[in-house]
Amino acid sequence: MMDVSERLSFFPSLYRVIDHPEVGMWMLYLTILFLSILVYKLGFAKKLPILKSAVIYTFLALGCTVLTFLGIFLPVAEGLVVAALILIIYKIRLHQSKNQEAEDVR
């Protein structure tokens, strides 16, 4: 028989979801929520009125509830970390190229 703790992905193992399910699940949820907001802001966010933004973040928080349950055995948070890193690198390169173009115009 296989031990369930062997099948956990990195973040649930880190937060000891098996030993402390309530605290571990909350920490996993907050991690996935933070990373989802970060990926949304880096890749997809546009300037919106405050009410529309509130609706988007509400649905994002609700969706992260489902992702948290999937994230116990699937690498959801790890995928969000990779997506955030790729978007951060993209934003840095974009900023550098815009600065280079501005210097070339001068």
Protein backbone atom coordinates (compact mmCIF):
# COMPACT_ATOMS: atom_id res chain seq x y z
CA MET A 1 0.00 0.00 0.00
CA MET A 2 1.29 3.45 -0.96
CA ASP A 3 1.66 6.21 1.60
CA VAL A 4 -0.44 9.27 0.65
CA SER A 5 2.27 11.67 1.80
CA GLU A 6 4.54 10.32 -0.96
CA ARG A 7 2.11 11.53 -3.63
CA LEU A 8 1.86 15.13 -2.40
CA SER A 9 3.28 17.90 -4.53
CA PHE A 10 5.95 20.24 -3.15
CA PHE A 11 3.87 22.94 -1.43
CA PRO A 12 1.44 20.58 0.35
CA SER A 13 4.47 18.62 1.57
CA LEU A 14 6.12 21.84 2.69
CA TYR A 15 2.98 22.95 4.56
CA ARG A 16 2.47 19.44 6.03
CA VAL A 17 -1.11 19.13 4.85
CA ILE A 18 -1.25 15.53 6.12
CA ASP A 19 -0.09 16.40 9.65
CA HIS A 20 -1.92 19.73 10.03
CA PRO A 21 -4.76 19.70 7.49
CA GLU A 22 -6.54 22.92 8.47
CA VAL A 23 -3.49 25.18 8.71
CA GLY A 24 -1.78 23.46 5.79
CA MET A 25 -4.77 23.87 3.49
CA TRP A 26 -5.13 27.55 4.41
CA MET A 27 -1.45 28.15 3.71
CA LEU A 28 -1.75 26.30 0.40
CA TYR A 29 -4.85 28.34 -0.49
CA LEU A 30 -3.14 31.64 0.36
CA THR A 31 -0.06 30.62 -1.64
CA ILE A 32 -2.13 29.72 -4.69
CA LEU A 33 -4.21 32.91 -4.30
CA PHE A 34 -1.10 35.10 -4.04
CA LEU A 35 0.56 33.44 -7.03
CA SER A 36 -2.65 33.63 -9.08
CA ILE A 37 -3.00 37.35 -8.34
CA LEU A 38 0.67 37.86 -9.23
CA VAL A 39 0.31 36.00 -12.54
CA TYR A 40 -2.90 37.89 -13.32
CA LYS A 41 -1.29 41.27 -12.57
CA LEU A 42 1.87 40.48 -14.55
CA GLY A 43 0.21 38.96 -17.58
CA PHE A 44 -3.40 39.93 -17.96
CA ALA A 45 -4.49 42.87 -15.80
CA LYS A 46 -5.71 46.07 -17.37
CA LYS A 47 -6.86 49.29 -15.76
CA LEU A 48 -10.45 48.63 -14.75
CA PRO A 49 -12.99 50.44 -12.59
CA ILE A 50 -12.89 49.35 -8.95
CA LEU A 51 -16.15 47.39 -9.05
CA LYS A 52 -15.06 45.35 -12.07
CA SER A 53 -11.72 44.66 -10.38
CA ALA A 54 -13.55 43.52 -7.24
CA VAL A 55 -15.64 41.10 -9.30
CA ILE A 56 -12.53 39.70 -11.01
CA TYR A 57 -10.68 39.21 -7.72
CA THR A 58 -13.75 37.63 -6.13
CA PHE A 59 -13.99 35.05 -8.90
CA LEU A 60 -10.23 34.58 -8.78
CA ALA A 61 -10.48 33.80 -5.05
CA LEU A 62 -13.34 31.36 -5.68
CA GLY A 63 -11.41 29.64 -8.45
CA CYS A 64 -8.40 29.32 -6.20
CA THR A 65 -10.55 27.26 -3.83
CA VAL A 66 -10.92 24.61 -6.52
CA LEU A 67 -7.23 24.92 -7.46
CA THR A 68 -6.28 24.36 -3.81
CA PHE A 69 -7.98 20.97 -3.73
CA LEU A 70 -6.37 20.04 -7.04
CA GLY A 71 -3.05 21.39 -5.78
CA ILE A 72 -2.73 18.75 -3.09
CA PHE A 73 -1.66 16.07 -5.56
CA LEU A 74 -1.09 18.13 -8.73
CA PRO A 75 1.65 20.78 -9.15
CA VAL A 76 -0.72 23.77 -9.31
CA ALA A 77 1.30 26.13 -7.10
CA GLU A 78 4.53 25.02 -8.75
CA GLY A 79 3.09 25.81 -12.17
CA LEU A 80 2.04 29.24 -10.94
CA VAL A 81 5.59 29.86 -9.68
CA VAL A 82 6.98 28.98 -13.11
CA ALA A 83 4.39 31.19 -14.85
CA ALA A 84 5.21 34.09 -12.52
CA LEU A 85 8.95 33.71 -13.15
CA ILE A 86 8.44 33.65 -16.91
CA LEU A 87 6.24 36.76 -16.76
CA ILE A 88 8.71 38.57 -14.49
CA ILE A 89 11.54 37.82 -16.92
CA TYR A 90 9.36 38.98 -19.82
CA LYS A 91 8.48 42.25 -18.06
CA ILE A 92 12.13 42.93 -17.22
CA ARG A 93 13.21 42.28 -20.82
CA LEU A 94 10.35 44.44 -22.15
CA HIS A 95 11.35 47.28 -19.84
CA GLN A 96 15.00 46.96 -20.90
CA SER A 97 14.12 47.00 -24.59
CA LYS A 98 11.91 50.08 -24.16
CA ASN A 99 14.72 51.86 -22.33
CA GLN A 100 17.15 50.86 -25.10
CA GLU A 101 14.78 52.17 -27.79
CA ALA A 102 14.38 55.45 -25.88
CA GLU A 103 18.17 55.82 -25.72
CA ASP A 104 18.54 55.01 -29.42
CA VAL A 105 16.02 57.74 -30.36
CA ARG A 106 18.10 60.34 -28.54
